[in-house]
N, C-alpha and C. Protein backbone atom coordinates (compact mmCIF):
# COMPACT_ATOMS: atom_id res chain seq x y z
N UNK A 1 -130.74 90.58 113.03
CA UNK A 1 -132.09 90.06 112.71
C UNK A 1 -132.40 88.50 112.71
N UNK A 2 -133.65 88.32 113.45
CA UNK A 2 -133.71 86.77 113.22
C UNK A 2 -134.71 86.47 112.26
N UNK A 3 -134.43 85.76 110.99
CA UNK A 3 -135.53 85.75 110.16
C UNK A 3 -136.62 84.92 110.47
N UNK A 4 -136.37 83.88 111.27
CA UNK A 4 -137.16 82.64 111.72
C UNK A 4 -138.43 83.28 112.78
N UNK A 5 -138.06 83.97 113.43
CA UNK A 5 -138.88 85.12 114.09
C UNK A 5 -139.68 85.85 113.46
N UNK A 6 -139.06 86.40 112.46
CA UNK A 6 -140.03 87.35 111.75
C UNK A 6 -140.70 86.30 111.31
N UNK A 7 -140.45 85.40 110.42
CA UNK A 7 -141.21 84.65 109.49
C UNK A 7 -142.46 84.36 110.08
N UNK A 8 -142.41 83.97 111.57
CA UNK A 8 -143.38 83.13 112.88
C UNK A 8 -144.52 84.54 112.80
N UNK A 9 -143.92 85.47 113.21
CA UNK A 9 -144.67 86.64 113.84
C UNK A 9 -145.10 87.37 112.34
N UNK A 10 -144.61 87.75 111.16
CA UNK A 10 -145.01 88.41 110.68
C UNK A 10 -145.17 87.81 109.12
N UNK A 11 -145.36 86.26 109.06
CA UNK A 11 -145.71 85.33 107.80
C UNK A 11 -147.02 85.39 107.31
N UNK A 12 -148.09 85.46 108.61
CA UNK A 12 -149.40 85.69 107.83
C UNK A 12 -149.79 87.06 107.53
N UNK A 13 -149.43 87.95 108.11
CA UNK A 13 -149.41 89.20 107.60
C UNK A 13 -148.45 89.82 106.05
N UNK A 14 -148.00 88.98 105.67
CA UNK A 14 -147.22 89.12 104.42
C UNK A 14 -148.24 88.22 103.58
N UNK A 15 -148.35 87.17 103.95
CA UNK A 15 -149.24 86.12 102.95
C UNK A 15 -150.76 86.77 102.82
N UNK A 16 -151.19 87.35 103.59
CA UNK A 16 -152.41 88.13 103.28
C UNK A 16 -152.58 89.46 102.42
N UNK A 17 -151.25 89.90 102.61
CA UNK A 17 -151.15 91.24 101.57
C UNK A 17 -150.62 90.45 100.34
N UNK A 18 -150.04 89.39 100.18
CA UNK A 18 -149.53 88.80 98.77
C UNK A 18 -150.97 88.37 98.22
N UNK A 19 -151.94 87.36 99.10
CA UNK A 19 -153.17 86.82 98.38
C UNK A 19 -154.28 88.32 97.96
N UNK A 20 -153.87 89.47 98.55
CA UNK A 20 -154.98 90.72 98.38
C UNK A 20 -154.55 91.19 97.01
N UNK A 21 -153.22 90.88 96.60
CA UNK A 21 -152.61 91.71 95.01
C UNK A 21 -152.77 90.81 94.53
N UNK A 22 -152.45 89.58 94.83
CA UNK A 22 -152.31 88.37 93.52
C UNK A 22 -153.46 87.40 93.07
N UNK A 23 -154.55 87.81 94.22
CA UNK A 23 -155.77 86.92 94.05
C UNK A 23 -155.25 85.41 93.89
N UNK A 24 -154.19 84.64 94.08
CA UNK A 24 -154.32 82.98 94.01
C UNK A 24 -153.19 82.86 94.58
N UNK A 25 -154.17 81.92 95.76
CA UNK A 25 -153.18 81.11 97.31
C UNK A 25 -152.08 80.70 96.83
N UNK A 26 -151.67 79.90 95.84
CA UNK A 26 -150.66 79.43 95.02
C UNK A 26 -149.42 80.62 95.41
N UNK A 27 -149.42 81.28 93.99
CA UNK A 27 -148.71 82.44 93.88
C UNK A 27 -148.50 83.48 95.02
N UNK A 28 -149.72 83.60 95.63
CA UNK A 28 -149.36 84.38 97.04
C UNK A 28 -148.31 83.67 98.13
N UNK A 29 -148.37 82.57 98.06
CA UNK A 29 -147.65 81.63 99.23
C UNK A 29 -145.88 81.49 98.43
N UNK A 30 -145.82 81.14 97.01
CA UNK A 30 -144.42 81.62 96.45
C UNK A 30 -144.25 83.05 96.82
N UNK A 31 -144.92 84.13 96.67
CA UNK A 31 -144.22 85.32 97.07
C UNK A 31 -144.18 85.88 98.22
N UNK A 32 -144.78 84.99 99.34
CA UNK A 32 -144.71 84.69 100.74
C UNK A 32 -143.28 84.53 100.89
N UNK A 33 -142.77 83.40 100.40
CA UNK A 33 -141.18 83.20 100.50
C UNK A 33 -140.72 83.61 99.96
N UNK A 34 -140.75 84.22 98.57
CA UNK A 34 -139.84 85.31 98.16
C UNK A 34 -139.48 86.53 98.80
N UNK A 35 -140.17 86.58 99.48
CA UNK A 35 -140.15 88.19 100.68
C UNK A 35 -139.17 87.62 101.42
N UNK A 36 -139.12 86.48 102.18
CA UNK A 36 -138.67 86.19 103.30
C UNK A 36 -137.04 85.76 102.71
N UNK A 37 -136.79 84.83 101.51
CA UNK A 37 -135.69 85.10 100.77
C UNK A 37 -135.06 86.21 100.29
N UNK A 38 -135.77 86.99 100.27
CA UNK A 38 -135.40 88.62 99.74
C UNK A 38 -134.46 89.31 101.13
N UNK A 39 -135.44 89.41 102.42
CA UNK A 39 -134.98 89.63 103.51
C UNK A 39 -133.70 88.94 104.12
N UNK A 40 -133.42 87.76 103.96
CA UNK A 40 -132.35 86.93 104.09
C UNK A 40 -131.12 87.24 103.19
N UNK A 41 -131.27 87.50 101.83
CA UNK A 41 -130.51 87.74 101.05
C UNK A 41 -129.81 89.41 101.26
N UNK A 42 -130.90 89.88 101.97
CA UNK A 42 -130.19 91.80 102.14
C UNK A 42 -130.29 91.64 103.77
N UNK A 43 -130.12 90.88 104.55
CA UNK A 43 -129.97 91.07 105.95
C UNK A 43 -129.51 92.32 106.44
N UNK A 44 -128.37 91.86 105.90
CA UNK A 44 -127.00 92.87 106.21
C UNK A 44 -127.30 94.31 106.00
N UNK A 45 -127.96 94.98 105.05
CA UNK A 45 -128.50 96.23 104.43
C UNK A 45 -129.53 96.37 105.01
N UNK A 46 -130.20 95.83 105.55
CA UNK A 46 -131.90 95.89 106.32
C UNK A 46 -131.90 96.18 107.83
N UNK A 47 -132.57 97.25 108.35
CA UNK A 47 -133.09 97.41 109.91
C UNK A 47 -133.93 97.16 109.93
N UNK A 48 -134.28 96.47 111.21
CA UNK A 48 -135.51 95.70 111.50
C UNK A 48 -136.39 96.93 112.82
N UNK A 49 -136.06 98.14 112.49
CA UNK A 49 -136.55 99.10 113.58
C UNK A 49 -138.15 98.99 113.38
N UNK A 50 -138.87 98.65 111.86
CA UNK A 50 -139.99 98.37 112.15
C UNK A 50 -140.15 97.03 111.01
N UNK A 51 -140.16 96.18 111.31
CA UNK A 51 -140.08 94.79 110.49
C UNK A 51 -141.47 94.90 109.91
N UNK A 52 -142.54 95.39 110.35
CA UNK A 52 -143.59 95.26 109.43
C UNK A 52 -144.04 95.88 108.41
N UNK A 53 -143.56 97.11 108.54
CA UNK A 53 -143.64 98.07 107.28
C UNK A 53 -142.38 97.51 106.57
N UNK A 54 -141.20 97.17 106.91
CA UNK A 54 -140.46 96.65 105.49
C UNK A 54 -140.67 95.62 105.21
N UNK A 55 -141.36 94.56 105.72
CA UNK A 55 -142.09 93.29 105.10
C UNK A 55 -143.20 93.89 104.40
N UNK A 56 -144.14 94.47 104.76
CA UNK A 56 -144.93 94.90 103.83
C UNK A 56 -144.75 95.82 102.55
N UNK A 57 -143.57 96.49 102.99
CA UNK A 57 -143.06 97.16 101.81
C UNK A 57 -142.48 95.97 100.53
N UNK A 58 -141.67 95.00 100.79
CA UNK A 58 -141.04 94.01 100.23
C UNK A 58 -142.15 93.30 99.34
N UNK A 59 -143.53 93.01 100.31
CA UNK A 59 -144.38 91.73 99.65
C UNK A 59 -144.89 92.76 98.55
N UNK A 60 -145.49 93.99 99.11
CA UNK A 60 -146.11 95.00 98.08
C UNK A 60 -144.69 94.97 96.44
N UNK A 61 -143.76 95.16 96.71
CA UNK A 61 -142.73 95.11 95.60
C UNK A 61 -142.74 93.91 94.85
N UNK A 62 -142.68 92.71 95.67
CA UNK A 62 -142.34 91.88 95.16
C UNK A 62 -144.01 91.18 93.87
N UNK A 63 -145.24 91.39 94.68
CA UNK A 63 -146.21 91.37 94.27
C UNK A 63 -146.30 92.36 92.91
N UNK A 64 -146.01 93.54 92.97
CA UNK A 64 -145.98 94.33 91.79
C UNK A 64 -145.43 93.48 90.81
N UNK A 65 -143.96 93.18 90.86
CA UNK A 65 -143.14 93.04 90.17
C UNK A 65 -143.66 92.00 89.26
N UNK A 66 -144.47 90.90 89.90
CA UNK A 66 -144.91 89.72 89.40
C UNK A 66 -146.19 89.93 88.51
N UNK A 67 -147.18 91.11 89.15
CA UNK A 67 -147.96 91.40 88.27
C UNK A 67 -147.23 92.16 86.88
N UNK A 68 -146.51 92.77 86.87
CA UNK A 68 -145.59 93.22 86.07
C UNK A 68 -145.36 92.16 84.43
N UNK A 69 -144.73 91.16 85.48
CA UNK A 69 -144.02 89.98 84.80
C UNK A 69 -145.68 89.41 83.73
N UNK A 70 -146.25 89.78 84.79
CA UNK A 70 -148.01 89.27 84.02
C UNK A 70 -148.17 89.66 82.44
N UNK A 71 -148.14 90.83 82.69
CA UNK A 71 -148.11 92.18 81.89
C UNK A 71 -147.71 92.02 80.82
N UNK A 72 -145.97 91.40 81.02
CA UNK A 72 -145.06 91.46 79.45
C UNK A 72 -144.98 90.39 78.78
N UNK A 73 -146.42 89.29 79.39
CA UNK A 73 -146.85 88.24 78.19
C UNK A 73 -146.06 87.11 78.89
N UNK A 74 -145.13 87.41 79.79
CA UNK A 74 -144.54 85.86 80.68
C UNK A 74 -145.84 84.81 81.07
N UNK A 75 -146.50 85.77 81.21
CA UNK A 75 -148.07 84.43 82.03
C UNK A 75 -148.96 85.34 81.60
N UNK A 76 -149.83 84.79 80.98
CA UNK A 76 -151.11 84.91 80.25
C UNK A 76 -152.43 84.97 81.06
N UNK A 77 -152.62 85.00 82.55
CA UNK A 77 -153.68 84.95 83.66
C UNK A 77 -153.62 86.54 84.17
N UNK A 78 -154.31 87.81 83.23
CA UNK A 78 -153.71 88.93 83.97
C UNK A 78 -155.41 89.53 84.51
N UNK A 79 -155.34 89.59 85.67
CA UNK A 79 -156.25 89.85 86.76
C UNK A 79 -156.55 91.56 86.62
N UNK A 80 -157.67 91.68 85.31
CA UNK A 80 -157.70 93.16 84.84
C UNK A 80 -158.11 93.96 86.48
N UNK A 81 -159.46 93.24 86.86
CA UNK A 81 -159.68 93.70 87.96
C UNK A 81 -158.70 94.20 89.10
N UNK A 82 -157.64 93.51 89.10
CA UNK A 82 -156.73 94.21 90.14
C UNK A 82 -156.12 94.86 89.63
N UNK A 83 -155.71 95.07 88.29
CA UNK A 83 -155.35 96.39 87.70
C UNK A 83 -155.96 97.86 88.53
N UNK A 84 -157.33 97.11 87.91
CA UNK A 84 -158.53 98.91 88.36
C UNK A 84 -158.12 99.13 89.82
N UNK A 85 -157.82 98.09 90.55
CA UNK A 85 -157.89 98.41 92.19
C UNK A 85 -156.31 99.12 92.29
N UNK A 86 -154.95 98.54 91.74
CA UNK A 86 -153.86 99.36 92.23
C UNK A 86 -154.10 100.46 91.53
N UNK A 87 -154.53 100.89 89.93
CA UNK A 87 -154.21 102.26 89.52
C UNK A 87 -155.34 103.16 89.94
N UNK A 88 -156.50 102.92 90.71
CA UNK A 88 -157.37 103.41 90.92
C UNK A 88 -158.32 104.25 89.63
N UNK A 89 -158.15 104.16 88.32
CA UNK A 89 -158.23 104.86 87.46
C UNK A 89 -159.54 104.12 86.62
N UNK A 90 -160.60 104.94 86.02
CA UNK A 90 -161.79 104.34 85.89
C UNK A 90 -161.61 103.86 84.14
N UNK A 91 -162.20 103.12 83.78
CA UNK A 91 -162.20 102.65 82.00
C UNK A 91 -160.59 102.23 82.19
N UNK A 92 -160.12 101.50 82.67
CA UNK A 92 -158.48 100.90 82.64
C UNK A 92 -158.68 100.17 81.73
N UNK A 93 -158.09 100.29 80.15
CA UNK A 93 -158.27 99.21 79.20
C UNK A 93 -157.29 98.65 78.64
N UNK A 94 -155.90 98.77 79.15
CA UNK A 94 -154.91 98.21 78.91
C UNK A 94 -153.74 98.04 79.73
N UNK A 95 -153.24 96.68 80.15
CA UNK A 95 -152.04 96.84 81.07
C UNK A 95 -150.98 97.16 80.73
N UNK A 96 -150.62 97.20 79.12
CA UNK A 96 -149.57 97.87 78.72
C UNK A 96 -149.50 99.25 79.05
N UNK A 97 -150.31 100.07 79.37
CA UNK A 97 -150.57 101.47 79.62
C UNK A 97 -150.01 101.47 81.16
N UNK A 98 -150.71 100.28 82.21
CA UNK A 98 -149.76 100.52 83.61
C UNK A 98 -148.60 100.16 83.55
N UNK A 99 -147.90 99.42 82.72
CA UNK A 99 -146.23 99.32 82.46
C UNK A 99 -145.53 100.43 82.31
N UNK A 100 -146.34 101.06 81.19
CA UNK A 100 -145.32 102.09 80.74
C UNK A 100 -145.51 103.43 81.55
N UNK A 101 -146.67 103.53 82.47
CA UNK A 101 -146.84 104.55 83.38
C UNK A 101 -146.13 104.18 84.53
N UNK A 102 -145.51 102.92 84.97
CA UNK A 102 -144.77 102.88 86.13
C UNK A 102 -143.12 103.02 85.29
N UNK A 103 -143.03 102.48 84.08
CA UNK A 103 -141.81 102.33 83.71
C UNK A 103 -141.34 104.22 83.99
N UNK A 104 -141.99 105.34 83.94
CA UNK A 104 -141.66 106.52 83.80
C UNK A 104 -141.36 107.21 85.49
N UNK A 105 -141.61 106.15 86.47
CA UNK A 105 -141.66 106.80 87.85
C UNK A 105 -141.10 105.54 88.94
N UNK A 106 -140.39 105.61 89.62
CA UNK A 106 -139.43 105.31 90.53
C UNK A 106 -140.53 104.31 91.08
N UNK A 107 -139.78 103.16 91.73
CA UNK A 107 -140.78 102.18 92.46
C UNK A 107 -141.39 102.37 93.68
N UNK A 108 -140.94 103.07 94.44
CA UNK A 108 -141.53 104.01 95.47
C UNK A 108 -142.71 104.59 95.08
N UNK A 109 -142.70 105.48 94.07
CA UNK A 109 -144.35 105.97 93.67
C UNK A 109 -145.11 105.00 93.21
N UNK A 110 -144.86 104.02 92.71
CA UNK A 110 -145.87 102.82 92.76
C UNK A 110 -146.34 102.14 94.24
N UNK A 111 -145.29 102.13 94.60
CA UNK A 111 -145.74 101.21 96.06
C UNK A 111 -146.36 102.33 96.70
N UNK A 112 -146.46 104.00 96.97
CA UNK A 112 -146.98 104.61 97.48
C UNK A 112 -148.51 104.84 96.85
N UNK A 113 -148.70 104.61 95.86
CA UNK A 113 -150.03 104.57 95.03
C UNK A 113 -151.02 103.45 95.51
N UNK A 114 -150.26 102.75 95.73
CA UNK A 114 -151.02 101.06 96.34
C UNK A 114 -151.47 101.23 97.64
N UNK A 115 -150.35 102.34 98.40
CA UNK A 115 -150.75 102.11 99.68
C UNK A 115 -151.64 103.02 100.19
N UNK A 116 -151.59 104.05 99.11
CA UNK A 116 -152.73 105.35 99.30
C UNK A 116 -154.31 104.68 98.74
N UNK A 117 -154.17 104.00 97.66
CA UNK A 117 -155.25 103.81 96.83
C UNK A 117 -155.77 102.79 97.02
N UNK A 118 -155.14 101.47 97.16
CA UNK A 118 -155.44 100.58 97.55
C UNK A 118 -155.80 100.00 99.21
N UNK A 119 -154.74 100.41 99.48
CA UNK A 119 -154.65 99.68 100.80
C UNK A 119 -155.57 101.04 102.17
N UNK A 120 -155.67 102.28 101.24
CA UNK A 120 -156.67 103.20 102.09
C UNK A 120 -155.84 103.79 103.13
N UNK A 121 -154.64 103.58 102.85
CA UNK A 121 -153.60 104.58 103.97
C UNK A 121 -153.73 106.18 104.20
N UNK A 122 -153.83 106.95 104.63
CA UNK A 122 -153.84 108.26 104.49
C UNK A 122 -152.44 108.82 103.92
N UNK A 123 -152.65 109.88 103.28
CA UNK A 123 -151.15 110.64 102.91
C UNK A 123 -150.16 110.77 103.98
N UNK A 124 -150.49 110.84 105.09
CA UNK A 124 -149.83 111.09 106.43
C UNK A 124 -149.09 109.49 106.33
N UNK A 125 -149.60 108.81 106.45
CA UNK A 125 -149.21 107.67 107.02
C UNK A 125 -148.44 107.22 106.12
N UNK A 126 -148.59 107.20 104.68
CA UNK A 126 -147.99 107.10 103.36
C UNK A 126 -146.69 107.81 103.74
N UNK A 127 -146.75 108.89 103.86
CA UNK A 127 -145.52 110.13 104.36
C UNK A 127 -144.38 109.48 105.15
N UNK A 128 -145.69 109.11 106.32
CA UNK A 128 -144.53 108.48 107.42
C UNK A 128 -143.74 107.23 107.43
N UNK A 129 -144.05 106.04 106.46
CA UNK A 129 -143.61 105.10 106.21
C UNK A 129 -142.32 105.23 105.38
N UNK A 130 -142.34 106.06 104.37
CA UNK A 130 -141.46 106.67 103.32
C UNK A 130 -140.29 107.72 103.82
N UNK A 131 -140.75 108.29 104.84
CA UNK A 131 -139.97 109.36 105.26
C UNK A 131 -139.73 110.43 105.04
N UNK A 132 -141.10 110.95 104.01
CA UNK A 132 -141.35 112.46 103.16
C UNK A 132 -142.14 113.13 103.92
N UNK A 133 -142.20 114.26 102.88
CA UNK A 133 -143.16 114.94 103.51
C UNK A 133 -144.70 114.72 103.02
N UNK A 134 -146.06 114.98 103.58
CA UNK A 134 -147.34 114.98 102.56
C UNK A 134 -146.96 115.56 101.52
N UNK A 135 -147.11 116.45 101.16
CA UNK A 135 -146.90 117.34 99.97
C UNK A 135 -145.94 116.35 99.07
N UNK A 136 -144.67 115.93 99.88
CA UNK A 136 -144.07 114.97 98.64
C UNK A 136 -144.58 114.19 98.11
N UNK A 137 -145.50 113.49 99.09
CA UNK A 137 -146.14 112.23 98.66
C UNK A 137 -147.32 112.60 97.28
N UNK A 138 -147.84 113.74 98.17
CA UNK A 138 -149.13 114.31 97.44
C UNK A 138 -148.23 114.34 95.68
N UNK A 139 -147.14 115.06 95.79
CA UNK A 139 -146.37 115.52 94.14
C UNK A 139 -146.49 114.64 93.58
N UNK A 140 -146.11 113.13 94.24
CA UNK A 140 -145.31 111.85 93.22
C UNK A 140 -147.01 111.39 92.92
N UNK A 141 -147.97 111.28 93.60
CA UNK A 141 -148.81 110.84 93.24
C UNK A 141 -149.82 111.61 91.96
N UNK A 142 -149.66 113.08 92.15
CA UNK A 142 -149.99 113.54 91.08
C UNK A 142 -149.22 113.62 89.72
N UNK A 143 -147.99 113.61 90.16
CA UNK A 143 -147.09 112.95 88.92
C UNK A 143 -148.01 111.67 88.01
N UNK A 144 -147.95 110.71 89.05
CA UNK A 144 -148.62 109.72 88.08
C UNK A 144 -149.91 110.16 87.44
N UNK A 145 -150.57 110.46 88.07
CA UNK A 145 -151.75 110.71 87.52
C UNK A 145 -151.51 111.51 85.94
N UNK A 146 -150.62 112.69 86.42
CA UNK A 146 -150.38 113.64 84.70
C UNK A 146 -150.12 112.68 83.94
N UNK A 147 -149.14 111.62 84.19
CA UNK A 147 -148.41 110.69 83.24
C UNK A 147 -149.44 110.02 82.48
N UNK A 148 -150.49 109.38 83.26
CA UNK A 148 -151.56 108.32 82.55
C UNK A 148 -152.60 109.12 81.65
N UNK A 149 -152.82 110.68 82.20
CA UNK A 149 -153.61 111.43 81.37
C UNK A 149 -152.72 111.51 80.12
N UNK A 150 -151.55 111.84 80.12
CA UNK A 150 -150.31 111.92 78.90
C UNK A 150 -150.68 110.61 77.87
N UNK A 151 -150.49 109.49 78.64
CA UNK A 151 -150.69 108.10 78.06
C UNK A 151 -151.81 107.87 77.39
N UNK A 152 -152.65 108.43 77.81
CA UNK A 152 -154.14 108.09 77.59
C UNK A 152 -154.46 108.91 76.57
N UNK A 153 -154.00 110.45 76.34
CA UNK A 153 -154.22 110.90 75.33
C UNK A 153 -153.18 110.55 73.97
N UNK A 154 -152.42 109.75 74.16
CA UNK A 154 -151.30 109.37 73.03
C UNK A 154 -152.26 108.79 71.76
């Protein structure tokens, strides 16, 4: 896996993804660098069969982790609009609720929600990306919604 080549070919795509999620050029550039550092650190365990999908997923995870860090109070600048779009839930009024919701589910479910609701990918495309069935993806997203409803009723 030639990291330099991947950086040249996919760096702009990764930066666009990070900028879309983080809404800060400086933070998006930092996140993009973190994506490629992660790739270098784990290159022995990663395959480059679908490098764009792999980089897209790593970028999404890193950006969502940065958002979660903000929510935990380590950074004060929380972009509520971004949280609305990630969760695609009307009347979202608490970043803590988002953190509680995602702690109940695997990281992959969070990425599926972002890919489907925020990025507009079809269930079939998300399922293909994760090597799952469409019904499996649908079940994960339904589980997220159910947990959200339970949290809202507390």
